Structures are given as structure tokens and as C-alpha cells.
Amino acid sequence: MDAVIYTSSAYSLLSDIAATHKDPARAVSFSTILETLNPSDGDSVFLHAQRLAQAGRWTDALARLDRLRKVNPDNGDIVNTYGVALYHNGNLTAARTEFLEALKLVPNSTDYESNLKVCEDAINEKGAPISLQPLDAKDD
């Protein structure tokens, strides 16, 4: 078991390094291994979902975030990131609902407020920026 813990930490670190060096494909490679080693660990799955999103693989990210959202309904970061994935998959109405829920959980989040505004602008056909906030994995 200790070997898996140490190995997991190494792959998480390697994924972080690749992401820092703007190499999303490599970051996904490492986070895939991490998720495979720890399929029931929410942090590993969330990191992998974030790396998939950073690589533009929104459908793959959405599947993982959907699972995480169901078991972590009170985690603002997961709810918000799930909204971002819905947005990028074209489901603007569902994304708006998630951003509103994230703001209930973390009322003063400027990132969540920004995402809600971008989404509402897109719904109202005012146009929207290319991407939303935040998809950076938090350092642990």
C-alpha cells in the first residue's frame, strides 16, 4: 500500500510539472496513471478531470466530473468545474444551474461569478470568451 501512495504522489507531481510547462498531453498521461492507481480517490479523479479539460478533452472531463458532482454535492470547486465542462460541451442551461449552485456554496467567488456572467451572456447570444475559470489544479 505504501508503494501506491508514493507512486501516486510521484505521478501527481509529474502531472503538475507537465501542466506548468504547458504540456497538457503529457499532464493527462500522468494523471491517467494516477486515476488508474486510485480510481476511488476523489482528489485523483478531480485532478485527472482538470487535466483532461486543460487538454480540451471536455467530454472525457465531463464524465468524471459528473461522478464527482454526485458524491460531492457541497464542493464548490467541483460544482463550478462541472459547470465549466457542461458549458464547453454546449449545455449552457445546465452550466448556468451549476454556476448558481457553486455561488450558493461559495458566495464571494469572483471566478464563479465570472463564469456565470460568461454563461448568461452566451445564453443571451451576446457572445462569450473562449474559456472559463478556473481549471488550474490546486497545489496540495
Protein backbone atom coordinates (compact mmCIF):
# COMPACT_ATOMS: atom_id res chain seq x y z
CA MET A 1 0.00 0.00 0.00
CA ASP A 2 2.85 2.40 0.78
CA ALA A 3 4.23 1.88 -2.71
CA VAL A 4 0.94 3.02 -4.23
CA ILE A 5 0.92 6.12 -2.02
CA TYR A 6 4.45 7.08 -3.03
CA THR A 7 3.81 6.25 -6.66
CA SER A 8 0.61 8.30 -6.63
CA SER A 9 2.44 11.30 -5.24
CA ALA A 10 5.08 10.99 -7.95
CA TYR A 11 2.53 10.84 -10.76
CA SER A 12 0.60 13.76 -9.29
CA LEU A 13 3.82 15.78 -9.17
CA LEU A 14 4.77 14.78 -12.72
CA SER A 15 1.32 15.82 -13.93
CA ASP A 16 1.69 19.17 -12.16
CA ILE A 17 5.11 19.73 -13.72
CA ALA A 18 3.84 18.91 -17.21
CA ALA A 19 0.87 21.25 -16.74
CA THR A 20 3.18 24.01 -15.51
CA HIS A 21 5.29 23.55 -18.63
CA LYS A 22 2.15 23.86 -20.80
CA ASP A 23 2.27 20.24 -21.94
CA PRO A 24 -1.36 19.13 -21.45
CA ALA A 25 -0.97 15.83 -23.30
CA ARG A 26 1.83 14.74 -21.01
CA ALA A 27 -0.06 16.03 -17.96
CA VAL A 28 -3.02 13.86 -19.00
CA SER A 29 -0.73 10.85 -19.42
CA PHE A 30 0.47 11.14 -15.83
CA SER A 31 -2.97 11.91 -14.41
CA THR A 32 -4.39 8.89 -16.26
CA ILE A 33 -1.93 6.66 -14.43
CA LEU A 34 -2.76 8.41 -11.16
CA GLU A 35 -6.50 7.84 -11.65
CA THR A 36 -5.86 4.20 -12.59
CA LEU A 37 -3.91 3.68 -9.36
CA ASN A 38 -6.59 5.44 -7.28
CA PRO A 39 -9.95 5.13 -9.06
CA SER A 40 -11.95 5.80 -5.90
CA ASP A 41 -9.85 8.74 -4.69
CA GLY A 42 -11.78 11.94 -5.38
CA ASP A 43 -8.66 14.12 -5.50
CA SER A 44 -7.03 11.89 -8.11
CA VAL A 45 -10.17 11.81 -10.24
CA PHE A 46 -10.62 15.60 -9.92
CA LEU A 47 -7.01 16.23 -10.93
CA HIS A 48 -7.45 13.96 -13.95
CA ALA A 49 -10.68 15.73 -14.92
CA GLN A 50 -8.89 19.08 -14.71
CA ARG A 51 -6.00 17.81 -16.84
CA LEU A 52 -8.44 16.45 -19.44
CA ALA A 53 -10.15 19.84 -19.54
CA GLN A 54 -6.85 21.65 -19.91
CA ALA A 55 -6.14 19.39 -22.89
CA GLY A 56 -9.51 20.30 -24.42
CA ARG A 57 -10.99 16.86 -23.80
CA TRP A 58 -14.22 18.23 -22.36
CA THR A 59 -16.38 15.15 -22.92
CA ASP A 60 -13.89 12.95 -21.06
CA ALA A 61 -13.64 15.53 -18.27
CA LEU A 62 -17.42 15.79 -18.03
CA ALA A 63 -17.85 12.07 -17.36
CA ARG A 64 -15.50 12.21 -14.38
CA LEU A 65 -16.92 15.47 -13.08
CA ASP A 66 -20.44 14.07 -13.29
CA ARG A 67 -19.42 11.22 -10.97
CA LEU A 68 -17.63 13.59 -8.59
CA ARG A 69 -20.56 16.02 -8.56
CA LYS A 70 -22.94 13.29 -7.43
CA VAL A 71 -20.80 12.25 -4.47
CA ASN A 72 -19.60 15.77 -3.55
CA PRO A 73 -22.66 18.00 -3.90
CA ASP A 74 -21.28 20.58 -1.44
CA ASN A 75 -17.86 21.09 -3.03
CA GLY A 76 -17.92 24.46 -4.79
CA ASP A 77 -14.83 23.75 -6.90
CA ILE A 78 -16.29 20.51 -8.23
CA VAL A 79 -19.69 22.10 -8.88
CA ASN A 80 -18.08 25.03 -10.69
CA THR A 81 -15.74 22.87 -12.75
CA TYR A 82 -18.66 20.62 -13.66
CA GLY A 83 -20.42 23.77 -14.89
CA VAL A 84 -17.37 24.70 -16.96
CA ALA A 85 -17.36 21.25 -18.57
CA LEU A 86 -21.09 21.48 -19.30
CA TYR A 87 -20.52 24.92 -20.86
CA HIS A 88 -17.74 23.64 -23.10
CA ASN A 89 -19.91 20.68 -24.09
CA GLY A 90 -22.63 23.12 -25.21
CA ASN A 91 -25.10 22.57 -22.38
CA LEU A 92 -25.42 26.22 -21.35
CA THR A 93 -28.63 25.94 -19.34
CA ALA A 94 -27.25 23.14 -17.16
CA ALA A 95 -23.95 25.02 -16.83
CA ARG A 96 -25.81 28.11 -15.58
CA THR A 97 -27.58 25.99 -12.96
CA GLU A 98 -24.23 24.63 -11.75
CA PHE A 99 -22.65 28.10 -11.55
CA LEU A 100 -25.61 29.33 -9.49
CA GLU A 101 -25.24 26.34 -7.18
CA ALA A 102 -21.48 26.92 -6.87
CA LEU A 103 -22.18 30.53 -5.87
CA LYS A 104 -24.59 29.34 -3.17
CA LEU A 105 -21.77 27.20 -1.79
CA VAL A 106 -19.07 29.89 -2.13
CA PRO A 107 -20.93 33.22 -2.34
CA ASN A 108 -17.98 35.55 -2.88
CA SER A 109 -16.08 33.64 -5.55
CA THR A 110 -15.15 36.02 -8.34
CA ASP A 111 -14.28 33.05 -10.59
CA TYR A 112 -17.71 31.52 -10.15
CA GLU A 113 -19.39 34.91 -10.69
CA SER A 114 -17.34 35.43 -13.85
CA ASN A 115 -18.30 32.01 -15.16
CA LEU A 116 -21.97 32.70 -14.51
CA LYS A 117 -21.77 36.01 -16.36
CA VAL A 118 -19.99 34.46 -19.36
CA CYS A 119 -22.56 31.68 -19.46
CA GLU A 120 -25.51 34.05 -19.19
CA ASP A 121 -24.03 36.22 -21.96
CA ALA A 122 -23.70 33.14 -24.15
CA ILE A 123 -27.29 32.14 -23.38
CA ASN A 124 -28.40 35.64 -24.33
CA GLU A 125 -26.30 35.37 -27.54
CA LYS A 126 -24.06 38.28 -26.62
CA GLY A 127 -21.02 36.13 -27.27
CA ALA A 128 -18.61 34.56 -24.85
CA PRO A 129 -14.86 34.36 -24.33
CA ILE A 130 -13.06 31.22 -25.42
CA SER A 131 -12.69 29.72 -21.93
CA LEU A 132 -13.90 29.96 -18.38
CA GLN A 133 -12.35 29.92 -14.88
CA PRO A 134 -10.72 28.03 -13.06
CA LEU A 135 -9.18 24.87 -14.35
CA ASP A 136 -5.88 25.09 -12.58
CA ALA A 137 -5.31 22.19 -10.26
CA LYS A 138 -4.68 23.34 -6.73
CA ASP A 139 -1.30 22.57 -5.22
CA ASP A 140 -1.54 20.15 -2.33
